[in-house]
Amino acid sequence: MVTGMSIPTPIIDETIAAHADALVLYARQFFAGRNLHAAEDVVQDAFHRLSRLPNVPENLVGWLYTAVRNGAISAARSDKRRQKRETDRQPPLFQPETESPVDTEKIALCLEKLDREEREIVTLHLWSDLPFSEIATLLGKPKTTVYRRYQEALETLRQLIDEP
């Protein structure tokens, strides 16, 4: 590291212009087709960390690639853990009567067909394990209304999931 200097803004601007696109492409390989926007976040974070350094790294481009690599690996691991948690928490309610596996994409599409409030109630209750009393407080609705909307949403989901 070169000591005694802070990183001037023109150096950061030039480095972004010269290397940002290549760094994003490099970061995308760690996400294996999932959440490709996360690659842009990783690159942005690397440039942000660079701007906070007190000194210019000797090999600026090498430092950036290392920072992007480490950030992308960490973000991809976090994303994979999050997806596993969401899959593991998938409620048995959505499993069809047959022994066929649950089609999570179909469930996601069916959830999108619910109105915003019903979708929010279902998500808060099933995935966040919030009781109806807390959901009612959060939404500013009576507990009975929240429960009724939840039951209606489940019935709608059952019908949508059973559609061919």
Foldseek 3Di string as FASTA:
>chain_A
DDPDAADDPVVLVVCCVVPVVVQLVVLQVLQVPPPSVVSNVQLVVLSVVNNPDRDQDPPNVVSSSVSSVVSSNVVNVVVVVVVVLVVVLPDPLQDDPDPDDHDVVLLVVLLVPDPPLLSVLLCCCRVVVDQLVVVCVVVVHDSVVSVVSPVVSSVSSVVSRPDD
